[in-house]
Amino acid sequence: MLLNSTGVIPRLQHEEEFALLRYKVEELNKNTALLIAEAERLIQESEKLSARITSLENPSTQWPSSTHC
């Protein structure tokens, strides 16, 4: 099979390159999924922090000054 350098070897090289590309695409897909999950977690965390900041800034949620004595 390897004697025919015009057909077999380029095809083998093509198959190896294709396999490498497939592996890289799978890795990219996996990393993309991980990044999306991390982004969702960070968004939820940000929303919680924003709600806490809003509650601290809102005067109606603070203690009346007479109870601080």
C-alpha atoms as a PDB file:
ATOM      1  CA  MET A   1       0.000   0.000   0.000  1.00  0.00           C
ATOM      2  CA  LEU A   2       2.735   2.501   0.835  1.00  0.00           C
ATOM      3  CA  LEU A   3       4.456   1.929  -2.541  1.00  0.00           C
ATOM      4  CA  ASN A   4       1.975   4.116  -4.361  1.00  0.00           C
ATOM      5  CA  SER A   5       3.086   7.514  -3.074  1.00  0.00           C
ATOM      6  CA  THR A   6       0.624   9.454  -5.212  1.00  0.00           C
ATOM      7  CA  GLY A   7      -2.494   7.869  -3.712  1.00  0.00           C
ATOM      8  CA  VAL A   8      -2.026   6.039  -0.463  1.00  0.00           C
ATOM      9  CA  ILE A   9       0.373   8.250   1.456  1.00  0.00           C
ATOM     10  CA  PRO A  10      -1.501  11.500   0.853  1.00  0.00           C
ATOM     11  CA  ARG A  11      -4.721   9.769   1.794  1.00  0.00           C
ATOM     12  CA  LEU A  12      -3.175   8.525   5.040  1.00  0.00           C
ATOM     13  CA  GLN A  13      -1.857  11.994   5.781  1.00  0.00           C
ATOM     14  CA  HIS A  14      -5.300  13.401   5.050  1.00  0.00           C
ATOM     15  CA  GLU A  15      -6.925  10.896   7.406  1.00  0.00           C
ATOM     16  CA  GLU A  16      -4.420  11.723  10.153  1.00  0.00           C
ATOM     17  CA  GLU A  17      -4.997  15.449   9.707  1.00  0.00           C
ATOM     18  CA  PHE A  18      -8.750  14.891   9.709  1.00  0.00           C
ATOM     19  CA  ALA A  19      -8.514  12.846  12.919  1.00  0.00           C
ATOM     20  CA  LEU A  20      -6.434  15.581  14.539  1.00  0.00           C
ATOM     21  CA  LEU A  21      -8.939  18.230  13.464  1.00  0.00           C
ATOM     22  CA  ARG A  22     -11.805  16.144  14.815  1.00  0.00           C
ATOM     23  CA  TYR A  23      -9.997  15.821  18.154  1.00  0.00           C
ATOM     24  CA  LYS A  24      -9.382  19.576  18.282  1.00  0.00           C
ATOM     25  CA  VAL A  25     -13.033  20.312  17.484  1.00  0.00           C
ATOM     26  CA  GLU A  26     -14.119  17.942  20.273  1.00  0.00           C
ATOM     27  CA  GLU A  27     -11.763  19.719  22.674  1.00  0.00           C
ATOM     28  CA  LEU A  28     -13.130  23.104  21.603  1.00  0.00           C
ATOM     29  CA  ASN A  29     -16.700  21.892  22.110  1.00  0.00           C
ATOM     30  CA  LYS A  30     -15.838  20.596  25.572  1.00  0.00           C
ATOM     31  CA  ASN A  31     -14.088  23.840  26.526  1.00  0.00           C
ATOM     32  CA  THR A  32     -16.980  25.884  25.152  1.00  0.00           C
ATOM     33  CA  ALA A  33     -19.444  23.926  27.274  1.00  0.00           C
ATOM     34  CA  LEU A  34     -17.260  24.482  30.349  1.00  0.00           C
ATOM     35  CA  LEU A  35     -17.034  28.209  29.623  1.00  0.00           C
ATOM     36  CA  ILE A  36     -20.798  28.481  29.181  1.00  0.00           C
ATOM     37  CA  ALA A  37     -21.388  26.698  32.487  1.00  0.00           C
ATOM     38  CA  GLU A  38     -18.901  28.974  34.237  1.00  0.00           C
ATOM     39  CA  ALA A  39     -20.498  32.057  32.677  1.00  0.00           C
ATOM     40  CA  GLU A  40     -23.932  30.948  33.900  1.00  0.00           C
ATOM     41  CA  ARG A  41     -22.546  30.459  37.402  1.00  0.00           C
ATOM     42  CA  LEU A  42     -20.910  33.898  37.351  1.00  0.00           C
ATOM     43  CA  ILE A  43     -24.125  35.526  36.106  1.00  0.00           C
ATOM     44  CA  GLN A  44     -26.097  33.958  38.963  1.00  0.00           C
ATOM     45  CA  GLU A  45     -23.464  35.070  41.451  1.00  0.00           C
ATOM     46  CA  SER A  46     -23.516  38.577  40.001  1.00  0.00           C
ATOM     47  CA  GLU A  47     -27.311  38.746  40.260  1.00  0.00           C
ATOM     48  CA  LYS A  48     -27.147  37.697  43.925  1.00  0.00           C
ATOM     49  CA  LEU A  49     -24.491  40.300  44.689  1.00  0.00           C
ATOM     50  CA  SER A  50     -26.469  42.947  42.851  1.00  0.00           C
ATOM     51  CA  ALA A  51     -29.559  42.105  44.884  1.00  0.00           C
ATOM     52  CA  ARG A  52     -27.557  42.331  48.115  1.00  0.00           C
ATOM     53  CA  ILE A  53     -26.118  45.707  47.134  1.00  0.00           C
ATOM     54  CA  THR A  54     -29.568  46.984  46.198  1.00  0.00           C
ATOM     55  CA  SER A  55     -30.971  45.866  49.544  1.00  0.00           C
ATOM     56  CA  LEU A  56     -28.133  47.620  51.372  1.00  0.00           C
ATOM     57  CA  GLU A  57     -28.693  50.822  49.410  1.00  0.00           C
ATOM     58  CA  ASN A  58     -32.470  50.790  49.845  1.00  0.00           C
ATOM     59  CA  PRO A  59     -33.351  52.902  52.928  1.00  0.00           C
ATOM     60  CA  SER A  60     -36.539  50.918  53.577  1.00  0.00           C
ATOM     61  CA  THR A  61     -34.510  47.784  54.366  1.00  0.00           C
ATOM     62  CA  GLN A  62     -32.171  49.498  56.838  1.00  0.00           C
ATOM     63  CA  TRP A  63     -32.711  49.596  60.577  1.00  0.00           C
ATOM     64  CA  PRO A  64     -34.427  52.676  62.017  1.00  0.00           C
ATOM     65  CA  SER A  65     -31.926  55.014  63.697  1.00  0.00           C
ATOM     66  CA  SER A  66     -33.668  54.661  67.112  1.00  0.00           C
ATOM     67  CA  THR A  67     -32.788  50.943  67.360  1.00  0.00           C
ATOM     68  CA  HIS A  68     -29.043  51.538  66.932  1.00  0.00           C
ATOM     69  CA  CYS A  69     -28.617  52.906  70.496  1.00  0.00           C
END
